[in-house]
Structure formats: C-alpha cells, structure tokens
Amino acid sequence: MREPRMRNTKKEITDREELHRILDQAMVMRLGMIDGERPYVVPLNFAREGEAIWFHGAAAGHKLDCLRAAPAVCIEVDRFIGLRTGPGACDDWSSAYESVIGFGTAEIVEDAAEKLHGLRVLMGKHSGREDWEFSEASVKGTAVVRIRLDTLTGKRSPA
C-alpha cells in the first residue's frame, strides 16, 4: 500500500501522542471497508488500545461479511472546533478542526478471553471502569473486532 502523503504539511499532526489524544477523545469513528468493488463506510463507537482499535456489534451482518472478504480497512475520526467567519468574501471563511485517518487490518476476534478484553477496553473508554463482567451468552452473541493499525496521519486547521 502506498503511504499516504499530506499536501499541506503545515496542518499535519505528526506527534503520536496527539494522534492518540484525538482518537481517544472522539466518540464516533467512521470505518471504511471494501464491499465487492465499492467502498462501504459506517459510523461506530470504538476504543483505542495502543496501536489497535476495538469495536463490537451484532454477531452477523453486512459489516462482518465485508471484513471477512477483505480485512483491509480505513478509519477516520474528526472534531469540529468552530467556524471562522470573515466580513466579506468566502475566502475569509474557514472551519477549524482536527482529524485522524488510519489504515490497518481488521480481525474478527473469536477467542472468548480476547473478546472479553476488547469489550472491557470499549466499556473502559466510555465509563472509566475496566472491571465489567459480561454473561457468557452476551459474549457469545457479540462480534468483537480488533483493527491493527499500520499507519496514522492527522491534520489540524486552527481556529
């Protein structure tokens, strides 16, 4: 895969901690997948752990079918900071934002202990706790996916 390059390097975020901060603060991630010969994108709740992204969902469905057929994925998160307005021409208007895009490989986790770990990572992000217990039926009936990230890039347009 060709390494993505940013055209406007003045806006590029290269600090790994900053990229991770943006991922950790984002509540919704867009997951881009391959659906045959066309792209398929869905919004998801997610959590980051190191260089991995976790998400969960129904144990069957179109998303899992796409991932089984082609596990290469792209993720995107963003945060709209504000609108900068000007007195006249549209050139005076701009959006302030920060965003992260990553490429990686999705893996549907089958091991029960790993699934539990992923679910605890997810709950930890949203609750601040990692001591959650899940019923065996819940774990069995839930798909847990780990994305192993290969690349991350970030961009910021200041206010």
N, C-alpha and C. Protein backbone atom coordinates (compact mmCIF):
# COMPACT_ATOMS: atom_id res chain seq x y z
N MET A 1 0.84 -1.18 0.00
CA MET A 1 0.00 0.00 0.00
C MET A 1 0.89 1.25 0.00
N ARG A 2 0.50 2.22 -0.77
CA ARG A 2 1.20 3.49 -0.84
C ARG A 2 0.98 4.26 0.45
N GLU A 3 2.06 4.78 1.03
CA GLU A 3 1.98 5.57 2.26
C GLU A 3 1.28 6.89 1.95
N PRO A 4 0.21 7.24 2.67
CA PRO A 4 -0.49 8.49 2.39
C PRO A 4 0.42 9.70 2.67
N ARG A 5 0.33 10.69 1.82
CA ARG A 5 1.11 11.92 1.98
C ARG A 5 0.16 13.09 2.09
N MET A 6 0.51 14.02 2.97
CA MET A 6 -0.31 15.19 3.17
C MET A 6 0.21 16.33 2.29
N ARG A 7 -0.68 16.94 1.53
CA ARG A 7 -0.29 18.02 0.63
C ARG A 7 0.13 19.26 1.42
N ASN A 8 -0.66 19.65 2.41
CA ASN A 8 -0.37 20.85 3.20
C ASN A 8 0.26 20.43 4.53
N THR A 9 1.57 20.33 4.54
CA THR A 9 2.26 19.81 5.73
C THR A 9 2.20 20.77 6.92
N LYS A 10 1.82 22.04 6.69
CA LYS A 10 1.67 22.97 7.82
C LYS A 10 0.54 22.54 8.75
N LYS A 11 -0.41 21.81 8.22
CA LYS A 11 -1.55 21.36 9.03
C LYS A 11 -1.37 19.94 9.57
N GLU A 12 -0.30 19.29 9.18
CA GLU A 12 -0.09 17.89 9.54
C GLU A 12 0.24 17.73 11.03
N ILE A 13 -0.36 16.72 11.65
CA ILE A 13 -0.05 16.34 13.03
C ILE A 13 0.82 15.10 12.95
N THR A 14 2.03 15.19 13.47
CA THR A 14 2.95 14.04 13.42
C THR A 14 3.21 13.44 14.79
N ASP A 15 2.91 14.17 15.85
CA ASP A 15 3.15 13.69 17.21
C ASP A 15 2.18 12.56 17.52
N ARG A 16 2.72 11.37 17.80
CA ARG A 16 1.91 10.17 18.06
C ARG A 16 0.96 10.39 19.24
N GLU A 17 1.42 11.06 20.29
CA GLU A 17 0.56 11.32 21.45
C GLU A 17 -0.63 12.19 21.07
N GLU A 18 -0.43 13.15 20.19
CA GLU A 18 -1.54 14.00 19.72
C GLU A 18 -2.53 13.19 18.90
N LEU A 19 -2.01 12.34 18.03
CA LEU A 19 -2.89 11.48 17.24
C LEU A 19 -3.73 10.58 18.15
N HIS A 20 -3.08 10.01 19.16
CA HIS A 20 -3.79 9.15 20.11
C HIS A 20 -4.81 9.95 20.93
N ARG A 21 -4.46 11.18 21.32
CA ARG A 21 -5.41 12.03 22.06
C ARG A 21 -6.67 12.26 21.25
N ILE A 22 -6.51 12.59 19.98
CA ILE A 22 -7.67 12.84 19.13
C ILE A 22 -8.51 11.58 19.02
N LEU A 23 -7.87 10.43 18.80
CA LEU A 23 -8.62 9.16 18.75
C LEU A 23 -9.34 8.90 20.06
N ASP A 24 -8.66 9.12 21.18
CA ASP A 24 -9.24 8.81 22.48
C ASP A 24 -10.41 9.72 22.83
N GLN A 25 -10.39 10.95 22.36
CA GLN A 25 -11.47 11.89 22.66
C GLN A 25 -12.66 11.74 21.73
N ALA A 26 -12.44 11.17 20.56
CA ALA A 26 -13.53 11.02 19.59
C ALA A 26 -14.52 9.97 20.08
N MET A 27 -15.79 10.25 19.87
CA MET A 27 -16.82 9.30 20.27
C MET A 27 -17.30 8.43 19.11
N VAL A 28 -17.10 8.90 17.89
CA VAL A 28 -17.56 8.17 16.71
C VAL A 28 -16.40 8.03 15.73
N MET A 29 -16.24 6.84 15.21
CA MET A 29 -15.25 6.55 14.18
C MET A 29 -16.00 6.10 12.94
N ARG A 30 -15.51 6.52 11.81
CA ARG A 30 -16.04 6.00 10.55
C ARG A 30 -15.10 4.91 10.06
N LEU A 31 -15.67 3.77 9.76
CA LEU A 31 -14.92 2.61 9.30
C LEU A 31 -15.17 2.43 7.82
N GLY A 32 -14.11 2.53 7.02
CA GLY A 32 -14.21 2.31 5.58
C GLY A 32 -13.76 0.90 5.24
N MET A 33 -14.61 0.21 4.50
CA MET A 33 -14.34 -1.18 4.11
C MET A 33 -14.54 -1.33 2.62
N ILE A 34 -14.16 -2.49 2.13
CA ILE A 34 -14.39 -2.82 0.73
C ILE A 34 -15.61 -3.73 0.65
N ASP A 35 -16.59 -3.33 -0.15
CA ASP A 35 -17.81 -4.11 -0.36
C ASP A 35 -17.84 -4.51 -1.83
N GLY A 36 -17.17 -5.60 -2.13
CA GLY A 36 -17.06 -6.01 -3.54
C GLY A 36 -16.14 -5.05 -4.26
N GLU A 37 -16.72 -4.25 -5.14
CA GLU A 37 -15.92 -3.30 -5.90
C GLU A 37 -16.18 -1.85 -5.51
N ARG A 38 -16.86 -1.64 -4.39
CA ARG A 38 -17.15 -0.27 -3.98
C ARG A 38 -16.87 -0.09 -2.50
N PRO A 39 -16.67 1.16 -2.07
CA PRO A 39 -16.44 1.40 -0.64
C PRO A 39 -17.74 1.31 0.16
N TYR A 40 -17.59 1.00 1.43
CA TYR A 40 -18.71 0.94 2.37
C TYR A 40 -18.21 1.55 3.68
N VAL A 41 -18.90 2.57 4.17
CA VAL A 41 -18.46 3.30 5.36
C VAL A 41 -19.59 3.28 6.38
N VAL A 42 -19.24 2.99 7.64
CA VAL A 42 -20.22 3.01 8.72
C VAL A 42 -19.65 3.75 9.93
N PRO A 43 -20.51 4.49 10.65
CA PRO A 43 -20.07 5.11 11.90
C PRO A 43 -20.18 4.11 13.04
N LEU A 44 -19.20 4.14 13.95
CA LEU A 44 -19.16 3.19 15.06
C LEU A 44 -18.66 3.85 16.34
N ASN A 45 -19.09 3.34 17.47
CA ASN A 45 -18.40 3.61 18.73
C ASN A 45 -17.17 2.72 18.74
N PHE A 46 -16.11 3.16 19.40
CA PHE A 46 -14.85 2.43 19.35
C PHE A 46 -13.99 2.82 20.55
N ALA A 47 -12.89 2.12 20.70
CA ALA A 47 -11.89 2.47 21.71
C ALA A 47 -10.52 2.10 21.16
N ARG A 48 -9.53 2.89 21.53
CA ARG A 48 -8.14 2.63 21.13
C ARG A 48 -7.39 2.00 22.29
N GLU A 49 -6.53 1.04 21.97
CA GLU A 49 -5.61 0.47 22.94
C GLU A 49 -4.28 0.30 22.23
N GLY A 50 -3.30 1.12 22.59
CA GLY A 50 -2.03 1.09 21.89
C GLY A 50 -2.24 1.44 20.44
N GLU A 51 -1.79 0.56 19.56
CA GLU A 51 -1.96 0.77 18.11
C GLU A 51 -3.12 -0.06 17.56
N ALA A 52 -4.05 -0.42 18.43
CA ALA A 52 -5.21 -1.20 18.00
C ALA A 52 -6.49 -0.42 18.29
N ILE A 53 -7.48 -0.64 17.44
CA ILE A 53 -8.81 -0.08 17.61
C ILE A 53 -9.77 -1.25 17.82
N TRP A 54 -10.64 -1.11 18.81
CA TRP A 54 -11.65 -2.14 19.11
C TRP A 54 -13.04 -1.60 18.81
N PHE A 55 -13.91 -2.45 18.28
CA PHE A 55 -15.34 -2.13 18.21
C PHE A 55 -16.12 -3.43 18.30
N HIS A 56 -17.41 -3.31 18.55
CA HIS A 56 -18.24 -4.51 18.66
C HIS A 56 -19.55 -4.28 17.93
N GLY A 57 -20.28 -5.35 17.74
CA GLY A 57 -21.58 -5.24 17.08
C GLY A 57 -22.27 -6.59 17.05
N ALA A 58 -23.28 -6.65 16.22
CA ALA A 58 -24.04 -7.89 16.07
C ALA A 58 -23.14 -8.99 15.54
N ALA A 59 -23.46 -10.22 15.90
CA ALA A 59 -22.64 -11.37 15.52
C ALA A 59 -22.77 -11.73 14.04
N ALA A 60 -23.71 -11.11 13.34
CA ALA A 60 -23.88 -11.36 11.91
C ALA A 60 -24.30 -10.06 11.25
N GLY A 61 -23.95 -9.92 9.98
CA GLY A 61 -24.39 -8.74 9.26
C GLY A 61 -23.44 -8.35 8.15
N HIS A 62 -23.82 -7.32 7.42
CA HIS A 62 -23.09 -6.90 6.24
C HIS A 62 -21.67 -6.45 6.55
N LYS A 63 -21.50 -5.73 7.65
CA LYS A 63 -20.16 -5.25 8.04
C LYS A 63 -19.20 -6.43 8.22
N LEU A 64 -19.62 -7.44 8.94
CA LEU A 64 -18.76 -8.62 9.16
C LEU A 64 -18.51 -9.37 7.86
N ASP A 65 -19.52 -9.44 7.00
CA ASP A 65 -19.33 -10.09 5.70
C ASP A 65 -18.24 -9.37 4.91
N CYS A 66 -18.27 -8.04 4.91
CA CYS A 66 -17.25 -7.26 4.20
C CYS A 66 -15.87 -7.51 4.80
N LEU A 67 -15.77 -7.50 6.13
CA LEU A 67 -14.48 -7.69 6.79
C LEU A 67 -13.91 -9.08 6.55
N ARG A 68 -14.76 -10.08 6.50
CA ARG A 68 -14.28 -11.44 6.22
C ARG A 68 -13.74 -11.54 4.79
N ALA A 69 -14.41 -10.88 3.87
CA ALA A 69 -14.00 -10.95 2.48
C ALA A 69 -12.75 -10.11 2.19
N ALA A 70 -12.62 -8.98 2.90
CA ALA A 70 -11.49 -8.07 2.65
C ALA A 70 -11.18 -7.31 3.94
N PRO A 71 -10.23 -7.79 4.74
CA PRO A 71 -9.98 -7.20 6.06
C PRO A 71 -9.21 -5.87 6.07
N ALA A 72 -8.76 -5.39 4.90
CA ALA A 72 -8.07 -4.10 4.85
C ALA A 72 -9.09 -2.99 5.07
N VAL A 73 -8.81 -2.09 6.01
CA VAL A 73 -9.76 -1.04 6.36
C VAL A 73 -9.09 0.32 6.48
N CYS A 74 -9.93 1.35 6.49
CA CYS A 74 -9.51 2.72 6.75
C CYS A 74 -10.43 3.24 7.85
N ILE A 75 -9.85 3.96 8.82
CA ILE A 75 -10.66 4.58 9.87
C ILE A 75 -10.50 6.09 9.78
N GLU A 76 -11.51 6.82 10.26
CA GLU A 76 -11.45 8.27 10.30
C GLU A 76 -12.22 8.76 11.51
N VAL A 77 -11.62 9.72 12.23
CA VAL A 77 -12.32 10.44 13.30
C VAL A 77 -12.03 11.92 13.10
N ASP A 78 -12.94 12.75 13.56
CA ASP A 78 -12.71 14.18 13.45
C ASP A 78 -13.42 14.92 14.58
N ARG A 79 -12.95 16.14 14.79
CA ARG A 79 -13.56 17.01 15.80
C ARG A 79 -13.67 18.40 15.19
N PHE A 80 -14.90 18.86 15.05
CA PHE A 80 -15.16 20.21 14.56
C PHE A 80 -14.94 21.16 15.73
N ILE A 81 -14.04 22.13 15.57
CA ILE A 81 -13.71 23.06 16.65
C ILE A 81 -14.54 24.33 16.53
N GLY A 82 -14.71 24.83 15.34
CA GLY A 82 -15.50 26.04 15.16
C GLY A 82 -15.42 26.55 13.75
N LEU A 83 -16.23 27.57 13.49
CA LEU A 83 -16.29 28.20 12.19
C LEU A 83 -15.65 29.57 12.30
N ARG A 84 -14.69 29.81 11.44
CA ARG A 84 -14.05 31.12 11.39
C ARG A 84 -14.74 31.90 10.27
N THR A 85 -15.32 33.04 10.60
CA THR A 85 -16.05 33.82 9.62
C THR A 85 -15.32 35.13 9.34
N GLY A 86 -15.59 35.68 8.19
CA GLY A 86 -14.97 36.94 7.81
C GLY A 86 -16.01 37.94 7.37
N PRO A 87 -15.57 39.15 7.10
CA PRO A 87 -16.51 40.23 6.79
C PRO A 87 -17.07 40.15 5.37
N GLY A 88 -16.41 39.46 4.49
CA GLY A 88 -16.87 39.56 3.11
C GLY A 88 -16.79 38.27 2.35
N ALA A 89 -15.79 38.17 1.51
CA ALA A 89 -15.67 37.06 0.57
C ALA A 89 -15.59 35.72 1.28
N CYS A 90 -15.98 34.69 0.56
CA CYS A 90 -15.95 33.34 1.15
C CYS A 90 -14.52 32.93 1.50
N ASP A 91 -13.51 33.57 0.90
CA ASP A 91 -12.12 33.27 1.26
C ASP A 91 -11.83 33.57 2.72
N ASP A 92 -12.66 34.42 3.35
CA ASP A 92 -12.48 34.79 4.75
C ASP A 92 -13.09 33.77 5.70
N TRP A 93 -13.78 32.77 5.18
CA TRP A 93 -14.46 31.77 5.99
C TRP A 93 -13.67 30.47 5.96
N SER A 94 -13.65 29.79 7.10
CA SER A 94 -12.96 28.50 7.17
C SER A 94 -13.43 27.73 8.39
N SER A 95 -13.23 26.43 8.37
CA SER A 95 -13.54 25.58 9.52
C SER A 95 -12.27 25.27 10.29
N ALA A 96 -12.38 25.27 11.59
CA ALA A 96 -11.29 24.80 12.45
C ALA A 96 -11.66 23.37 12.87
N TYR A 97 -10.70 22.46 12.73
CA TYR A 97 -10.97 21.05 13.03
C TYR A 97 -9.66 20.33 13.28
N GLU A 98 -9.78 19.11 13.78
CA GLU A 98 -8.66 18.18 13.82
C GLU A 98 -9.21 16.81 13.45
N SER A 99 -8.38 16.04 12.75
CA SER A 99 -8.84 14.74 12.29
C SER A 99 -7.69 13.75 12.23
N VAL A 100 -8.05 12.48 12.27
CA VAL A 100 -7.07 11.39 12.16
C VAL A 100 -7.62 10.37 11.18
N ILE A 101 -6.74 9.89 10.31
CA ILE A 101 -7.06 8.81 9.39
C ILE A 101 -6.02 7.71 9.61
N GLY A 102 -6.49 6.47 9.64
CA GLY A 102 -5.58 5.35 9.81
C GLY A 102 -5.93 4.21 8.87
N PHE A 103 -4.93 3.43 8.53
CA PHE A 103 -5.12 2.24 7.71
C PHE A 103 -4.66 1.04 8.51
N GLY A 104 -5.35 -0.08 8.34
CA GLY A 104 -4.97 -1.27 9.07
C GLY A 104 -5.71 -2.49 8.59
N THR A 105 -5.64 -3.52 9.42
CA THR A 105 -6.27 -4.80 9.10
C THR A 105 -7.21 -5.18 10.23
N ALA A 106 -8.45 -5.47 9.87
CA ALA A 106 -9.46 -5.87 10.85
C ALA A 106 -9.43 -7.38 11.05
N GLU A 107 -9.60 -7.75 12.31
CA GLU A 107 -9.64 -9.17 12.66
C GLU A 107 -10.84 -9.41 13.57
N ILE A 108 -11.71 -10.31 13.16
CA ILE A 108 -12.86 -10.67 13.99
C ILE A 108 -12.34 -11.62 15.06
N VAL A 109 -12.44 -11.21 16.31
CA VAL A 109 -11.86 -11.96 17.43
C VAL A 109 -12.78 -13.11 17.80
N GLU A 110 -12.23 -14.30 17.85
CA GLU A 110 -13.00 -15.50 18.18
C GLU A 110 -12.74 -15.99 19.59
N ASP A 111 -11.54 -15.79 20.10
CA ASP A 111 -11.17 -16.26 21.43
C ASP A 111 -11.98 -15.52 22.50
N ALA A 112 -12.65 -16.27 23.38
CA ALA A 112 -13.54 -15.67 24.38
C ALA A 112 -12.80 -14.70 25.31
N ALA A 113 -11.59 -15.05 25.73
CA ALA A 113 -10.83 -14.18 26.63
C ALA A 113 -10.45 -12.88 25.92
N GLU A 114 -10.08 -12.95 24.66
CA GLU A 114 -9.75 -11.74 23.90
C GLU A 114 -10.99 -10.89 23.66
N LYS A 115 -12.12 -11.55 23.39
CA LYS A 115 -13.37 -10.82 23.22
C LYS A 115 -13.71 -10.05 24.50
N LEU A 116 -13.58 -10.71 25.64
CA LEU A 116 -13.83 -10.05 26.92
C LEU A 116 -12.90 -8.85 27.10
N HIS A 117 -11.64 -9.04 26.77
CA HIS A 117 -10.67 -7.94 26.88
C HIS A 117 -11.11 -6.75 26.02
N GLY A 118 -11.47 -7.01 24.77
CA GLY A 118 -11.93 -5.95 23.88
C GLY A 118 -13.17 -5.24 24.40
N LEU A 119 -14.12 -6.01 24.92
CA LEU A 119 -15.33 -5.40 25.47
C LEU A 119 -15.01 -4.54 26.69
N ARG A 120 -14.06 -4.96 27.50
CA ARG A 120 -13.65 -4.16 28.67
C ARG A 120 -12.93 -2.88 28.23
N VAL A 121 -12.13 -2.96 27.17
CA VAL A 121 -11.48 -1.76 26.64
C VAL A 121 -12.55 -0.77 26.18
N LEU A 122 -13.54 -1.27 25.46
CA LEU A 122 -14.63 -0.40 24.99
C LEU A 122 -15.39 0.24 26.16
N MET A 123 -15.78 -0.57 27.13
CA MET A 123 -16.52 -0.04 28.27
C MET A 123 -15.65 0.91 29.09
N GLY A 124 -14.35 0.62 29.16
CA GLY A 124 -13.44 1.49 29.90
C GLY A 124 -13.38 2.88 29.31
N LYS A 125 -13.38 2.99 28.00
CA LYS A 125 -13.35 4.31 27.36
C LYS A 125 -14.58 5.12 27.75
N HIS A 126 -15.72 4.50 27.76
CA HIS A 126 -16.97 5.23 27.95
C HIS A 126 -17.39 5.36 29.42
N SER A 127 -16.82 4.52 30.29
CA SER A 127 -17.25 4.56 31.69
C SER A 127 -16.12 4.90 32.66
N GLY A 128 -14.87 4.75 32.20
CA GLY A 128 -13.75 4.95 33.11
C GLY A 128 -13.44 3.72 33.96
N ARG A 129 -14.21 2.65 33.79
CA ARG A 129 -14.00 1.41 34.54
C ARG A 129 -13.60 0.29 33.59
N GLU A 130 -12.82 -0.64 34.10
CA GLU A 130 -12.44 -1.79 33.28
C GLU A 130 -12.80 -3.12 33.95
N ASP A 131 -13.57 -3.06 35.01
CA ASP A 131 -13.90 -4.26 35.78
C ASP A 131 -15.27 -4.83 35.41
N TRP A 132 -15.71 -4.61 34.20
CA TRP A 132 -17.02 -5.07 33.78
C TRP A 132 -17.08 -6.59 33.65
N GLU A 133 -18.23 -7.12 33.98
CA GLU A 133 -18.50 -8.55 33.80
C GLU A 133 -19.55 -8.68 32.70
N PHE A 134 -19.42 -9.71 31.90
CA PHE A 134 -20.36 -9.96 30.81
C PHE A 134 -20.81 -11.41 30.87
N SER A 135 -22.08 -11.65 30.59
CA SER A 135 -22.57 -13.02 30.60
C SER A 135 -21.97 -13.79 29.41
N GLU A 136 -21.89 -15.08 29.58
CA GLU A 136 -21.36 -15.93 28.51
C GLU A 136 -22.20 -15.78 27.24
N ALA A 137 -23.51 -15.68 27.41
CA ALA A 137 -24.41 -15.52 26.25
C ALA A 137 -24.15 -14.19 25.54
N SER A 138 -23.89 -13.15 26.30
CA SER A 138 -23.62 -11.84 25.72
C SER A 138 -22.33 -11.87 24.91
N VAL A 139 -21.30 -12.46 25.47
CA VAL A 139 -20.01 -12.55 24.78
C VAL A 139 -20.15 -13.39 23.51
N LYS A 140 -20.85 -14.49 23.64
CA LYS A 140 -21.03 -15.40 22.50
C LYS A 140 -21.84 -14.74 21.39
N GLY A 141 -22.81 -13.92 21.74
CA GLY A 141 -23.70 -13.30 20.76
C GLY A 141 -23.21 -11.96 20.23
N THR A 142 -22.01 -11.56 20.60
CA THR A 142 -21.46 -10.27 20.18
C THR A 142 -20.21 -10.48 19.35
N ALA A 143 -20.13 -9.77 18.25
CA ALA A 143 -18.89 -9.78 17.46
C ALA A 143 -17.98 -8.70 18.02
N VAL A 144 -16.73 -9.04 18.22
CA VAL A 144 -15.72 -8.09 18.66
C VAL A 144 -14.64 -8.06 17.60
N VAL A 145 -14.28 -6.85 17.18
CA VAL A 145 -13.31 -6.70 16.10
C VAL A 145 -12.15 -5.84 16.59
N ARG A 146 -10.94 -6.29 16.27
CA ARG A 146 -9.73 -5.52 16.56
C ARG A 146 -9.12 -5.11 15.22
N ILE A 147 -8.81 -3.85 15.11
CA ILE A 147 -8.09 -3.35 13.94
C ILE A 147 -6.66 -3.08 14.36
N ARG A 148 -5.74 -3.73 13.70
CA ARG A 148 -4.31 -3.48 13.95
C ARG A 148 -3.88 -2.40 12.96
N LEU A 149 -3.58 -1.23 13.49
CA LEU A 149 -3.25 -0.09 12.65
C LEU A 149 -1.83 -0.18 12.10
N ASP A 150 -1.69 0.12 10.81
CA ASP A 150 -0.38 0.19 10.16
C ASP A 150 0.10 1.63 10.09
N THR A 151 -0.81 2.55 9.78
CA THR A 151 -0.44 3.95 9.65
C THR A 151 -1.50 4.84 10.28
N LEU A 152 -1.06 5.99 10.77
CA LEU A 152 -1.94 7.04 11.28
C LEU A 152 -1.43 8.38 10.77
N THR A 153 -2.33 9.20 10.29
CA THR A 153 -1.99 10.56 9.93
C THR A 153 -3.01 11.49 10.55
N GLY A 154 -2.60 12.70 10.82
CA GLY A 154 -3.51 13.66 11.42
C GLY A 154 -3.38 15.01 10.76
N LYS A 155 -4.46 15.80 10.90
CA LYS A 155 -4.50 17.12 10.31
C LYS A 155 -5.25 18.06 11.24
N ARG A 156 -4.76 19.28 11.34
CA ARG A 156 -5.42 20.27 12.19
C ARG A 156 -5.45 21.59 11.43
N SER A 157 -6.63 22.18 11.42
CA SER A 157 -6.81 23.53 10.89
C SER A 157 -7.20 24.40 12.08
N PRO A 158 -6.30 25.26 12.51
CA PRO A 158 -6.55 26.01 13.75
C PRO A 158 -7.68 27.03 13.61
N ALA A 159 -8.24 27.39 14.75
CA ALA A 159 -9.32 28.38 14.78
C ALA A 159 -8.80 29.76 14.47
